[in-house]
Every structure is written in structure tokens, then in C-alpha cells.
C-alpha atoms as a PDB file:
ATOM      1  CA  UNK A   1     -18.513  15.339  33.483  1.00  0.00           C
ATOM      2  CA  UNK A   2     -18.949  16.474  29.725  1.00  0.00           C
ATOM      3  CA  UNK A   3     -22.460  15.330  28.038  1.00  0.00           C
ATOM      4  CA  UNK A   4     -22.187  12.640  25.569  1.00  0.00           C
ATOM      5  CA  UNK A   5     -22.126  12.934  21.445  1.00  0.00           C
ATOM      6  CA  UNK A   6     -25.216  12.230  20.229  1.00  0.00           C
ATOM      7  CA  UNK A   7     -25.127  10.726  16.589  1.00  0.00           C
ATOM      8  CA  UNK A   8     -28.476  11.094  14.556  1.00  0.00           C
ATOM      9  CA  UNK A   9     -28.804   9.349  11.444  1.00  0.00           C
ATOM     10  CA  UNK A  10     -31.768  10.671   9.284  1.00  0.00           C
ATOM     11  CA  UNK A  11     -34.319   8.144   8.089  1.00  0.00           C
ATOM     12  CA  UNK A  12     -33.403   8.344   4.547  1.00  0.00           C
ATOM     13  CA  UNK A  13     -29.616   7.351   5.380  1.00  0.00           C
ATOM     14  CA  UNK A  14     -30.602   4.047   6.755  1.00  0.00           C
ATOM     15  CA  UNK A  15     -32.613   3.517   3.988  1.00  0.00           C
ATOM     16  CA  UNK A  16     -29.740   4.009   1.513  1.00  0.00           C
ATOM     17  CA  UNK A  17     -27.442   1.961   3.815  1.00  0.00           C
ATOM     18  CA  UNK A  18     -30.308  -1.279   3.729  1.00  0.00           C
ATOM     19  CA  UNK A  19     -30.336  -0.811   0.250  1.00  0.00           C
ATOM     20  CA  UNK A  20     -26.761  -0.937  -0.922  1.00  0.00           C
ATOM     21  CA  UNK A  21     -26.513  -3.451   1.517  1.00  0.00           C
ATOM     22  CA  UNK A  22     -28.999  -5.594  -0.116  1.00  0.00           C
ATOM     23  CA  UNK A  23     -27.753  -4.589  -3.758  1.00  0.00           C
ATOM     24  CA  UNK A  24     -24.124  -5.991  -2.698  1.00  0.00           C
ATOM     25  CA  UNK A  25     -24.744  -8.650  -0.096  1.00  0.00           C
ATOM     26  CA  UNK A  26     -24.498 -11.339  -3.106  1.00  0.00           C
ATOM     27  CA  UNK A  27     -20.740 -10.555  -3.511  1.00  0.00           C
ATOM     28  CA  UNK A  28     -19.940 -11.260  -0.229  1.00  0.00           C
ATOM     29  CA  UNK A  29     -18.022 -14.378   0.656  1.00  0.00           C
ATOM     30  CA  UNK A  30     -19.466 -16.455   3.811  1.00  0.00           C
ATOM     31  CA  UNK A  31     -17.352 -18.845   5.776  1.00  0.00           C
ATOM     32  CA  UNK A  32     -19.596 -21.766   6.361  1.00  0.00           C
ATOM     33  CA  UNK A  33     -16.609 -23.183   9.279  1.00  0.00           C
ATOM     34  CA  UNK A  34     -13.324 -21.713  10.401  1.00  0.00           C
ATOM     35  CA  UNK A  35     -10.804 -23.865  12.286  1.00  0.00           C
ATOM     36  CA  UNK A  36      -7.575 -23.674  13.736  1.00  0.00           C
ATOM     37  CA  UNK A  37      -4.922 -26.025  11.814  1.00  0.00           C
ATOM     38  CA  UNK A  38      -2.305 -26.311  15.208  1.00  0.00           C
ATOM     39  CA  UNK A  39       0.272 -28.346  12.861  1.00  0.00           C
ATOM     40  CA  UNK A  40       0.178 -26.059   9.971  1.00  0.00           C
ATOM     41  CA  UNK A  41      -0.188 -22.946  12.399  1.00  0.00           C
ATOM     42  CA  UNK A  42      -3.053 -21.506  10.312  1.00  0.00           C
ATOM     43  CA  UNK A  43      -6.511 -20.115  10.449  1.00  0.00           C
ATOM     44  CA  UNK A  44      -8.402 -22.387   7.690  1.00  0.00           C
ATOM     45  CA  UNK A  45     -11.590 -21.168   6.174  1.00  0.00           C
ATOM     46  CA  UNK A  46     -13.970 -22.924   4.385  1.00  0.00           C
ATOM     47  CA  UNK A  47     -16.276 -20.729   2.244  1.00  0.00           C
ATOM     48  CA  UNK A  48     -19.651 -21.530   0.421  1.00  0.00           C
ATOM     49  CA  UNK A  49     -18.222 -21.780  -2.606  1.00  0.00           C
ATOM     50  CA  UNK A  50     -16.402 -24.857  -2.088  1.00  0.00           C
ATOM     51  CA  UNK A  51     -12.835 -22.398  -1.417  1.00  0.00           C
ATOM     52  CA  UNK A  52     -10.376 -23.285   1.501  1.00  0.00           C
ATOM     53  CA  UNK A  53      -8.210 -20.598   2.316  1.00  0.00           C
ATOM     54  CA  UNK A  54      -5.743 -20.410   4.709  1.00  0.00           C
ATOM     55  CA  UNK A  55      -3.883 -17.782   6.450  1.00  0.00           C
ATOM     56  CA  UNK A  56      -1.007 -18.408   9.076  1.00  0.00           C
ATOM     57  CA  UNK A  57      -1.941 -17.010  12.127  1.00  0.00           C
ATOM     58  CA  UNK A  58       1.107 -14.892  12.821  1.00  0.00           C
ATOM     59  CA  UNK A  59      -0.407 -12.688  10.063  1.00  0.00           C
ATOM     60  CA  UNK A  60      -3.536 -11.741  12.157  1.00  0.00           C
ATOM     61  CA  UNK A  61      -3.938  -9.007  14.307  1.00  0.00           C
ATOM     62  CA  UNK A  62      -4.452 -10.180  17.946  1.00  0.00           C
ATOM     63  CA  UNK A  63      -3.824 -13.882  17.534  1.00  0.00           C
ATOM     64  CA  UNK A  64       0.044 -13.806  17.196  1.00  0.00           C
ATOM     65  CA  UNK A  65       0.533 -13.871  20.138  1.00  0.00           C
ATOM     66  CA  UNK A  66      -2.681 -16.391  21.416  1.00  0.00           C
ATOM     67  CA  UNK A  67      -2.563 -19.942  22.725  1.00  0.00           C
ATOM     68  CA  UNK A  68      -3.988 -22.511  20.299  1.00  0.00           C
ATOM     69  CA  UNK A  69      -6.874 -22.890  22.823  1.00  0.00           C
ATOM     70  CA  UNK A  70      -7.416 -19.618  22.388  1.00  0.00           C
ATOM     71  CA  UNK A  71      -7.114 -19.738  18.679  1.00  0.00           C
ATOM     72  CA  UNK A  72      -8.983 -22.421  18.176  1.00  0.00           C
ATOM     73  CA  UNK A  73     -12.502 -21.327  19.374  1.00  0.00           C
ATOM     74  CA  UNK A  74     -13.728 -19.079  16.325  1.00  0.00           C
ATOM     75  CA  UNK A  75     -17.128 -17.854  16.032  1.00  0.00           C
ATOM     76  CA  UNK A  76     -18.720 -17.458  12.660  1.00  0.00           C
ATOM     77  CA  UNK A  77     -20.692 -13.420  12.655  1.00  0.00           C
ATOM     78  CA  UNK A  78     -23.437 -12.163  10.264  1.00  0.00           C
ATOM     79  CA  UNK A  79     -24.051 -15.515   8.441  1.00  0.00           C
ATOM     80  CA  UNK A  80     -20.646 -15.978   7.860  1.00  0.00           C
ATOM     81  CA  UNK A  81     -19.183 -12.388   7.203  1.00  0.00           C
ATOM     82  CA  UNK A  82     -16.925 -12.028   9.930  1.00  0.00           C
ATOM     83  CA  UNK A  83     -15.199 -14.338  12.558  1.00  0.00           C
ATOM     84  CA  UNK A  84     -14.618 -13.892  16.207  1.00  0.00           C
ATOM     85  CA  UNK A  85     -12.429 -15.157  19.259  1.00  0.00           C
ATOM     86  CA  UNK A  86     -14.203 -14.850  22.149  1.00  0.00           C
ATOM     87  CA  UNK A  87     -11.338 -16.315  24.375  1.00  0.00           C
ATOM     88  CA  UNK A  88      -9.588 -13.202  22.677  1.00  0.00           C
ATOM     89  CA  UNK A  89     -12.209 -10.326  21.977  1.00  0.00           C
ATOM     90  CA  UNK A  90     -10.865 -10.156  18.278  1.00  0.00           C
ATOM     91  CA  UNK A  91     -12.855 -10.291  15.496  1.00  0.00           C
ATOM     92  CA  UNK A  92     -12.402  -9.910  11.970  1.00  0.00           C
ATOM     93  CA  UNK A  93     -14.478  -9.278   8.374  1.00  0.00           C
ATOM     94  CA  UNK A  94     -14.240 -12.123   6.148  1.00  0.00           C
ATOM     95  CA  UNK A  95     -13.894  -9.970   2.862  1.00  0.00           C
ATOM     96  CA  UNK A  96     -10.784  -8.522   4.337  1.00  0.00           C
ATOM     97  CA  UNK A  97      -9.200 -11.601   5.269  1.00  0.00           C
ATOM     98  CA  UNK A  98      -9.488 -12.851   1.919  1.00  0.00           C
ATOM     99  CA  UNK A  99      -8.559  -9.691   0.478  1.00  0.00           C
ATOM    100  CA  UNK A 100      -5.413  -9.909   2.408  1.00  0.00           C
ATOM    101  CA  UNK A 101      -5.984  -7.231   5.053  1.00  0.00           C
ATOM    102  CA  UNK A 102      -5.402  -9.011   8.537  1.00  0.00           C
ATOM    103  CA  UNK A 103      -5.107  -6.049  10.677  1.00  0.00           C
ATOM    104  CA  UNK A 104      -5.077  -2.236  10.966  1.00  0.00           C
ATOM    105  CA  UNK A 105      -2.742   0.113   8.792  1.00  0.00           C
ATOM    106  CA  UNK A 106      -0.415   0.006  11.225  1.00  0.00           C
ATOM    107  CA  UNK A 107      -0.019  -3.808  11.848  1.00  0.00           C
ATOM    108  CA  UNK A 108       0.168  -4.470   7.896  1.00  0.00           C
ATOM    109  CA  UNK A 109       2.129  -1.895   7.663  1.00  0.00           C
ATOM    110  CA  UNK A 110       4.668  -3.423  10.948  1.00  0.00           C
ATOM    111  CA  UNK A 111       4.367  -6.864   8.795  1.00  0.00           C
ATOM    112  CA  UNK A 112       5.490  -5.327   5.674  1.00  0.00           C
ATOM    113  CA  UNK A 113       2.110  -6.323   4.225  1.00  0.00           C
ATOM    114  CA  UNK A 114       1.010  -2.817   3.094  1.00  0.00           C
ATOM    115  CA  UNK A 115       1.511  -0.727   0.544  1.00  0.00           C
ATOM    116  CA  UNK A 116       0.911   2.874   0.583  1.00  0.00           C
ATOM    117  CA  UNK A 117      -1.419   4.024  -1.992  1.00  0.00           C
ATOM    118  CA  UNK A 118      -0.327   4.318  -5.783  1.00  0.00           C
ATOM    119  CA  UNK A 119       2.800   2.505  -4.609  1.00  0.00           C
ATOM    120  CA  UNK A 120       3.357  -1.446  -4.891  1.00  0.00           C
ATOM    121  CA  UNK A 121       4.886  -3.355  -2.863  1.00  0.00           C
ATOM    122  CA  UNK A 122       7.663  -5.873  -3.178  1.00  0.00           C
END
């Protein structure tokens, strides 16, 4: 059996990543409550700044074919910067969702929501 690859990260790289995270964390939007509205078939995010953001469930990769009981159990990760659906083992970054990224590039392209760089989608 081949030996597993070993990833080595230098201390200065780790320190630089931590410093970048500290500088940019104030710009992160955090979810304080996430819920699934079965009637509207939407995942509803309540942000710490008072904004409510709703996303149709069918647009979210990993949730489109899920049952309501699976979608309704949502855990907050990273102090509200991520969402996790344990019954589905699916997670999404809040920053991506707020930017309209609901899954991988392939997923978004299949939904006709992904434009090639430099091309505006209609």
C-alpha cells in the first residue's frame, strides 16, 4: 500500500493565515438562527445585523432531494459562518450562500446560475 502523503505547513504560513483571518473576520456575516420553512420550501437565515435571507431549498446542493425532516435540522458552525445538516452530511459556508453560491461550479452550471468568468449570465 502506498504511503500517505504528508502535508507540511511552515510556522510562518500558519501565522500569516491566522493574521489574515483576524483582519478579515469583522467582514464575515454570521447567522444567529437558521430554519427551514416547509410551507415556503426555503432555508431562512437570520443574520446578526438584523437581515433575513431566504434561499429556495431546491437551489442548495445536497438539499434538493432531501425530506423536510432532514432539511429542518440545521446546525450553526464557526460561530455562525457555516451551516451543517447532520442527517445529510451537507455543509455550506454562509459567505458563499450570501454571494449566491449554492454549490459546486458544476452544480451551479446545471442550474444555469453560473457564468463563466468574464461572461454575464442572463
